[in-house]
Each structure stands twice: as C-alpha cells, then as structure tokens.
N, C-alpha and C. Protein backbone atom coordinates (compact mmCIF):
# COMPACT_ATOMS: atom_id res chain seq x y z
N LEU A 1 4.84 22.08 -11.90
CA LEU A 1 4.12 22.42 -11.65
C LEU A 1 3.61 23.69 -11.51
N ASN A 2 2.21 23.94 -12.11
CA ASN A 2 1.66 25.18 -12.07
C ASN A 2 0.33 25.16 -11.43
N SER A 3 -0.63 26.15 -11.09
CA SER A 3 -1.86 25.76 -10.65
C SER A 3 -2.68 25.28 -11.83
N ARG A 4 -2.43 25.65 -13.17
CA ARG A 4 -3.11 25.11 -14.23
C ARG A 4 -2.55 23.50 -14.60
N THR A 5 -1.45 22.87 -14.11
CA THR A 5 -1.58 21.42 -14.19
C THR A 5 -1.49 20.47 -13.29
N HIS A 6 -1.92 21.35 -11.94
CA HIS A 6 -2.00 20.44 -10.72
C HIS A 6 -2.56 19.85 -10.60
N LYS A 7 -4.29 20.15 -10.87
CA LYS A 7 -5.29 18.76 -11.17
C LYS A 7 -5.07 17.34 -11.48
N PRO A 8 -4.87 17.89 -12.94
CA PRO A 8 -4.42 16.92 -14.05
C PRO A 8 -3.45 16.02 -13.77
N PHE A 9 -2.11 16.36 -13.16
CA PHE A 9 -1.17 15.87 -12.58
C PHE A 9 -1.44 14.87 -11.59
N LEU A 10 -2.16 15.27 -10.38
CA LEU A 10 -2.64 14.71 -9.44
C LEU A 10 -3.52 13.41 -9.45
N ARG A 11 -4.48 13.99 -10.26
CA ARG A 11 -5.53 12.94 -11.19
C ARG A 11 -4.81 11.50 -11.87
N CYS A 12 -3.74 12.03 -12.68
CA CYS A 12 -2.99 10.78 -13.13
C CYS A 12 -1.99 10.24 -12.45
N GLU A 13 -1.62 10.79 -11.47
CA GLU A 13 -0.93 9.51 -10.54
C GLU A 13 -1.59 9.00 -9.86
N MET A 14 -2.87 9.59 -9.25
CA MET A 14 -3.71 8.41 -8.73
C MET A 14 -4.09 7.41 -9.22
N LYS A 15 -4.71 7.80 -10.50
CA LYS A 15 -4.79 6.52 -11.91
C LYS A 15 -4.10 5.07 -11.95
N MET A 16 -2.22 5.90 -11.70
CA MET A 16 -1.31 5.08 -12.13
C MET A 16 -1.23 4.69 -10.68
N ALA A 17 -1.55 4.90 -9.75
CA ALA A 17 -1.29 4.42 -8.10
C ALA A 17 -2.57 3.24 -8.33
N LEU A 18 -3.66 3.55 -8.63
CA LEU A 18 -4.54 2.21 -8.33
C LEU A 18 -4.22 1.10 -9.63
N CYS A 19 -3.75 1.97 -10.84
CA CYS A 19 -3.21 0.59 -12.05
C CYS A 19 -2.40 -0.10 -11.39
N LEU A 20 -1.13 0.58 -10.80
CA LEU A 20 -0.02 -0.15 -10.28
C LEU A 20 -0.45 -1.16 -9.30
N SER A 21 -1.44 -0.63 -8.15
CA SER A 21 -2.03 -1.62 -6.95
C SER A 21 -2.75 -2.55 -7.63
N PHE A 22 -3.18 -2.63 -8.16
CA PHE A 22 -4.19 -3.87 -8.85
C PHE A 22 -3.21 -4.60 -9.80
N ILE A 23 -2.82 -3.82 -10.11
CA ILE A 23 -1.55 -4.98 -11.13
C ILE A 23 -0.25 -5.75 -10.47
N LEU A 24 0.15 -5.29 -9.36
CA LEU A 24 1.03 -5.93 -8.24
C LEU A 24 0.25 -6.61 -7.35
N GLY A 25 -0.70 -6.47 -7.11
CA GLY A 25 -1.73 -7.45 -6.08
C GLY A 25 -2.10 -8.39 -6.78
N PHE A 26 -2.42 -8.21 -7.99
CA PHE A 26 -2.77 -9.61 -8.56
C PHE A 26 -1.76 -10.03 -9.11
N THR A 27 -0.90 -9.89 -8.99
CA THR A 27 0.48 -10.57 -9.82
C THR A 27 0.88 -11.39 -7.86
N GLY A 28 0.85 -11.11 -6.94
CA GLY A 28 0.96 -11.09 -6.05
C GLY A 28 0.32 -12.32 -5.31
N CYS A 29 -1.04 -12.31 -6.01
CA CYS A 29 -1.98 -13.06 -5.59
C CYS A 29 -1.71 -14.49 -6.31
N ILE A 30 -1.47 -13.97 -7.73
CA ILE A 30 -1.34 -15.30 -8.20
C ILE A 30 0.15 -16.35 -8.03
N ARG A 31 1.14 -15.34 -7.49
CA ARG A 31 2.14 -16.12 -6.86
C ARG A 31 2.27 -16.82 -5.79
N ALA A 32 1.41 -16.29 -4.50
CA ALA A 32 1.00 -16.90 -3.52
C ALA A 32 -0.06 -18.38 -3.68
N LEU A 33 -0.99 -18.26 -4.78
CA LEU A 33 -1.65 -19.65 -5.16
C LEU A 33 -1.22 -20.52 -5.72
N LEU A 34 0.34 -20.05 -6.92
CA LEU A 34 0.64 -21.21 -6.99
C LEU A 34 1.97 -21.53 -6.15
N PHE A 35 2.16 -20.99 -5.67
CA PHE A 35 3.04 -22.03 -4.17
C PHE A 35 2.27 -22.33 -3.02
N LEU A 36 0.77 -22.73 -3.70
CA LEU A 36 -0.13 -23.23 -2.59
C LEU A 36 -0.29 -22.58 -1.16
N THR A 37 -0.87 -21.70 -1.33
CA THR A 37 -0.37 -20.72 0.17
C THR A 37 -1.75 -20.78 0.40
N PRO A 38 -2.47 -21.23 1.96
CA PRO A 38 -3.89 -20.65 1.87
C PRO A 38 -4.25 -20.01 1.71
N ILE A 39 -5.92 -20.00 1.13
CA ILE A 39 -6.50 -18.95 0.57
C ILE A 39 -6.76 -17.74 1.19
N GLN A 40 -6.99 -17.74 2.83
CA GLN A 40 -6.79 -16.90 3.51
C GLN A 40 -5.57 -15.89 3.95
N GLU A 41 -4.11 -16.70 3.81
CA GLU A 41 -3.43 -15.80 3.92
C GLU A 41 -3.18 -15.72 2.42
N THR A 42 -3.33 -15.74 1.35
CA THR A 42 -3.38 -15.31 0.29
C THR A 42 -3.78 -13.58 -0.34
N PHE A 43 -4.81 -13.99 0.66
CA PHE A 43 -6.27 -13.07 0.93
C PHE A 43 -5.32 -12.10 1.61
N ALA A 44 -4.90 -11.88 2.69
CA ALA A 44 -4.38 -10.96 2.86
C ALA A 44 -2.58 -10.30 2.21
N ILE A 45 -2.01 -11.40 1.91
CA ILE A 45 -0.66 -10.49 0.93
C ILE A 45 -1.43 -9.98 0.19
N THR A 46 -2.28 -10.42 -0.75
CA THR A 46 -3.10 -9.41 -1.45
C THR A 46 -3.51 -8.41 -1.49
N ILE A 47 -4.31 -8.13 -0.18
CA ILE A 47 -4.81 -6.97 0.49
C ILE A 47 -3.60 -6.03 0.68
N SER A 48 -2.90 -6.76 1.14
CA SER A 48 -1.40 -5.54 2.00
C SER A 48 -0.51 -4.97 1.02
N LEU A 49 -0.24 -6.05 0.02
CA LEU A 49 0.54 -5.56 -1.26
C LEU A 49 -0.06 -4.23 -1.55
N PHE A 50 -1.43 -4.50 -2.11
CA PHE A 50 -2.75 -3.25 -2.87
C PHE A 50 -2.46 -2.37 -2.08
N ILE A 51 -2.56 -2.25 -0.65
CA ILE A 51 -2.47 -1.02 0.02
C ILE A 51 -1.41 -0.39 0.06
N ILE A 52 0.11 -1.43 0.39
CA ILE A 52 1.53 -0.66 0.27
C ILE A 52 1.63 -0.03 -0.97
N VAL A 53 1.38 -0.68 -2.08
CA VAL A 53 1.99 0.11 -3.14
C VAL A 53 0.88 0.81 -3.19
N LEU A 54 -0.24 1.16 -2.72
CA LEU A 54 -1.25 2.60 -2.92
C LEU A 54 -0.49 3.80 -2.40
N THR A 55 -0.31 3.00 -1.02
CA THR A 55 -0.08 4.22 -0.28
C THR A 55 1.61 4.66 -0.12
N SER A 56 2.63 3.86 -1.35
CA SER A 56 3.42 4.31 -1.26
C SER A 56 3.70 5.38 -2.49
N ILE A 57 2.68 5.33 -3.33
CA ILE A 57 2.66 6.27 -4.69
C ILE A 57 1.83 7.35 -3.89
N VAL A 58 0.85 7.40 -3.37
CA VAL A 58 0.42 8.51 -2.34
C VAL A 58 1.43 9.45 -2.14
N ILE A 59 2.00 8.57 -1.10
CA ILE A 59 3.08 9.67 -0.32
C ILE A 59 4.08 10.19 -1.15
N GLY A 60 4.33 9.33 -2.04
CA GLY A 60 5.49 9.72 -2.97
C GLY A 60 5.11 10.86 -3.76
N VAL A 61 4.10 11.19 -4.19
CA VAL A 61 3.20 12.13 -4.96
C VAL A 61 3.14 13.56 -4.10
N PHE A 62 2.78 13.41 -2.66
CA PHE A 62 2.21 14.12 -2.25
C PHE A 62 2.99 14.72 -0.91
N LEU A 63 4.42 14.01 -1.14
CA LEU A 63 5.29 14.33 0.24
C LEU A 63 6.45 15.26 -0.22
N PRO A 64 6.45 15.15 -1.52
CA PRO A 64 7.09 16.57 -2.68
C PRO A 64 6.54 17.54 -2.59
N LEU A 65 5.43 17.68 -2.78
CA LEU A 65 4.77 18.70 -3.11
C LEU A 65 4.59 19.55 -1.60
N GLY A 66 4.23 18.66 -0.57
CA GLY A 66 4.08 19.23 0.65
C GLY A 66 5.84 19.78 0.88
N MET A 67 6.45 19.34 0.89
CA MET A 67 7.96 19.85 1.37
C MET A 67 8.14 21.09 0.44
N LYS A 68 8.07 21.13 -0.79
CA LYS A 68 7.93 22.20 -1.73
C LYS A 68 7.20 23.68 -0.95
N LYS A 69 5.88 23.29 -0.34
CA LYS A 69 4.75 24.07 0.27
C LYS A 69 5.59 24.56 1.29
N CYS A 70 6.60 24.02 2.21
CA CYS A 70 6.78 24.06 3.27
C CYS A 70 8.31 25.28 3.17
N HIS A 71 8.69 25.13 1.83
CA HIS A 71 10.16 25.64 1.52
C HIS A 71 11.23 24.61 2.00
N ILE A 72 10.59 23.55 1.68
CA ILE A 72 11.70 22.63 1.82
C ILE A 72 12.22 21.70 0.64
N ASP A 73 13.61 21.69 0.44
CA ASP A 73 14.30 20.99 -0.75
C ASP A 73 13.22 19.77 -0.85
N PRO A 74 12.30 19.42 -2.17
CA PRO A 74 11.60 17.90 -2.65
C PRO A 74 12.89 17.06 -2.73
N ALA A 75 13.65 17.46 -2.70
CA ALA A 75 14.65 16.09 -3.10
C ALA A 75 15.25 15.29 -1.93
N HIS A 76 14.92 15.51 -0.92
CA HIS A 76 14.95 15.28 0.48
C HIS A 76 13.60 14.28 0.45
N SER A 77 12.76 14.31 -0.41
CA SER A 77 11.52 13.08 0.33
C SER A 77 11.65 11.86 -0.22
N SER A 78 13.20 11.51 -1.11
CA SER A 78 13.01 10.54 -1.57
C SER A 78 13.46 9.35 -0.42
N THR A 79 14.79 9.49 0.49
CA THR A 79 14.60 9.27 1.35
C THR A 79 13.90 8.84 2.65
N THR A 80 12.89 9.92 2.90
CA THR A 80 11.81 9.80 3.77
C THR A 80 11.00 9.27 3.51
N ILE A 81 11.05 8.92 1.94
CA ILE A 81 9.49 7.90 1.40
C ILE A 81 10.19 6.36 1.85
N GLN A 82 11.38 6.31 1.61
CA GLN A 82 12.01 4.95 1.79
C GLN A 82 11.57 4.56 3.12
N VAL A 83 11.98 5.52 4.43
CA VAL A 83 11.96 4.82 5.45
C VAL A 83 10.71 4.79 6.33
N LEU A 84 9.73 6.00 5.41
CA LEU A 84 8.42 5.84 5.83
C LEU A 84 7.76 4.19 5.36
N MET A 85 8.02 4.26 3.88
CA MET A 85 7.14 2.70 3.74
C MET A 85 8.27 1.62 4.06
N ASP A 86 9.43 1.32 4.76
CA ASP A 86 9.84 0.52 5.45
C ASP A 86 8.94 0.31 6.70
N ILE A 87 8.64 1.43 7.60
CA ILE A 87 7.82 1.44 8.73
C ILE A 87 6.49 1.13 8.46
N LEU A 88 5.37 1.88 7.15
CA LEU A 88 4.40 1.51 7.19
C LEU A 88 3.95 -0.21 6.44
N GLY A 89 4.78 -0.31 5.41
CA GLY A 89 4.71 -1.88 4.89
C GLY A 89 4.71 -2.60 5.95
N VAL A 90 5.57 -2.87 6.96
CA VAL A 90 5.26 -4.00 7.91
C VAL A 90 4.23 -3.84 8.68
N ALA A 91 4.01 -2.21 9.09
CA ALA A 91 2.73 -2.17 10.13
C ALA A 91 1.52 -2.82 9.33
N LEU A 92 1.45 -2.00 8.05
CA LEU A 92 0.26 -2.61 7.14
C LEU A 92 0.02 -4.23 6.88
N THR A 93 1.04 -4.83 6.50
CA THR A 93 0.94 -6.05 6.52
C THR A 93 0.63 -7.04 8.20
N VAL A 94 1.29 -6.34 8.89
CA VAL A 94 0.89 -7.12 10.40
C VAL A 94 -0.72 -6.86 10.65
N HIS A 95 -0.82 -5.10 10.69
CA HIS A 95 -2.33 -5.09 10.87
C HIS A 95 -3.60 -6.16 10.06
N ILE A 96 -3.43 -5.87 8.68
CA ILE A 96 -3.93 -6.21 7.58
C ILE A 96 -4.46 -7.94 7.84
N SER A 97 -2.88 -8.37 8.21
CA SER A 97 -3.09 -10.02 8.07
C SER A 97 -3.69 -10.13 9.56
N GLY A 98 -3.60 -9.30 10.55
CA GLY A 98 -4.11 -10.08 11.49
C GLY A 98 -5.58 -9.93 11.57
N ALA A 99 -6.02 -8.92 10.61
CA ALA A 99 -7.46 -8.57 10.86
C ALA A 99 -8.27 -9.69 10.01
N VAL A 100 -7.49 -10.26 8.41
CA VAL A 100 -7.85 -11.20 7.81
C VAL A 100 -7.98 -12.40 8.26
N LEU A 101 -6.49 -12.67 9.09
CA LEU A 101 -6.53 -13.99 9.30
C LEU A 101 -7.56 -14.39 11.00
N ALA A 102 -7.51 -13.53 11.73
CA ALA A 102 -8.37 -13.21 12.92
C ALA A 102 -10.00 -13.81 12.88
N SER A 103 -10.31 -13.11 11.43
CA SER A 103 -11.86 -13.12 10.98
C SER A 103 -11.93 -14.40 10.44
N ALA A 104 -11.14 -15.43 9.54
CA ALA A 104 -10.68 -16.75 9.14
C ALA A 104 -10.92 -17.33 10.21
N LEU A 105 -10.54 -17.39 11.32
CA LEU A 105 -10.21 -18.10 12.37
C LEU A 105 -11.59 -17.92 12.95
N ASN A 106 -12.45 -16.71 13.11
CA ASN A 106 -13.56 -16.54 13.80
C ASN A 106 -14.90 -17.17 13.38
N GLN A 107 -14.28 -17.19 11.22
CA GLN A 107 -15.59 -17.65 10.86
C GLN A 107 -15.74 -19.23 10.57
N PHE A 108 -14.56 -20.04 11.20
CA PHE A 108 -14.48 -21.53 11.43
C PHE A 108 -14.52 -21.83 12.92
N GLY A 109 -14.94 -20.95 13.57
CA GLY A 109 -15.80 -21.10 15.28
C GLY A 109 -14.46 -21.37 15.79
N THR A 110 -13.35 -21.36 15.81
CA THR A 110 -12.32 -20.92 16.09
C THR A 110 -12.00 -19.71 17.27
N LYS A 111 -11.58 -19.58 18.56
CA LYS A 111 -11.94 -18.86 19.39
C LYS A 111 -10.36 -18.08 19.05
N THR A 112 -9.86 -16.91 19.09
CA THR A 112 -8.79 -16.27 19.30
C THR A 112 -8.37 -15.90 20.80
N SER A 113 -7.02 -15.79 20.94
CA SER A 113 -6.90 -15.60 21.90
C SER A 113 -7.20 -14.09 22.10
N ASP A 114 -7.47 -13.26 23.54
CA ASP A 114 -7.34 -11.97 23.32
C ASP A 114 -6.17 -11.23 24.39
C-alpha cells in the first residue's frame, strides 16, 4: 500500500465487511428461524453475528496497518486478532443479547431483576 492506494483499499475492505456481515447475519437469521428459535433470540443472534463479523473485519484491516505504522511486524496481527475476537465475540454477544432480550421482556410487561 502507498498513499495513492490507501483510501481505495480501505473503501473496498469496508464494503466487503458490510457485505459479509449482511450475508452471515442473514444466514444466521435463517438458520435460527429454521430451528424455531424464538423471534427475540433470533434477532439477538442476527445482530450479534452481524456486529461480530463487521468488527473482526475492521480490526483485521486496521490492526496490521497500525502495527506497521508503529514499526511492529504486521504478521503478528493474525494471532492478536484471533484472541481479540474470541474475547470481543463473547462480550458483544452477551451485551447485545442482554439488551435485546431485556427490551423484549420489558415490552411484554415483565420486570427484569436489576
């Protein structure tokens, strides 16, 4: 990458991130519906999957570039991304599911324990 190709590269990668996120989110939604998962849980799964894929691609693009800028070998980013996404994936799923399902419970008049 050089200064001329930097912006087109990032634009292309962000388009790819959105496309993959939509495709995998949609696929996860269809799978959850086929297994007769309740709609609130299906929504939580779909949103979580979309955000996890989007986040992993964004980190996968920017981490090697940031490491290179800091004069660190960008090859080290692959293992770093794996560890980060393991932790972030669980955290994002828990927070998103908690928010979606708590919202669904409140919508039906059920009080959640605080």
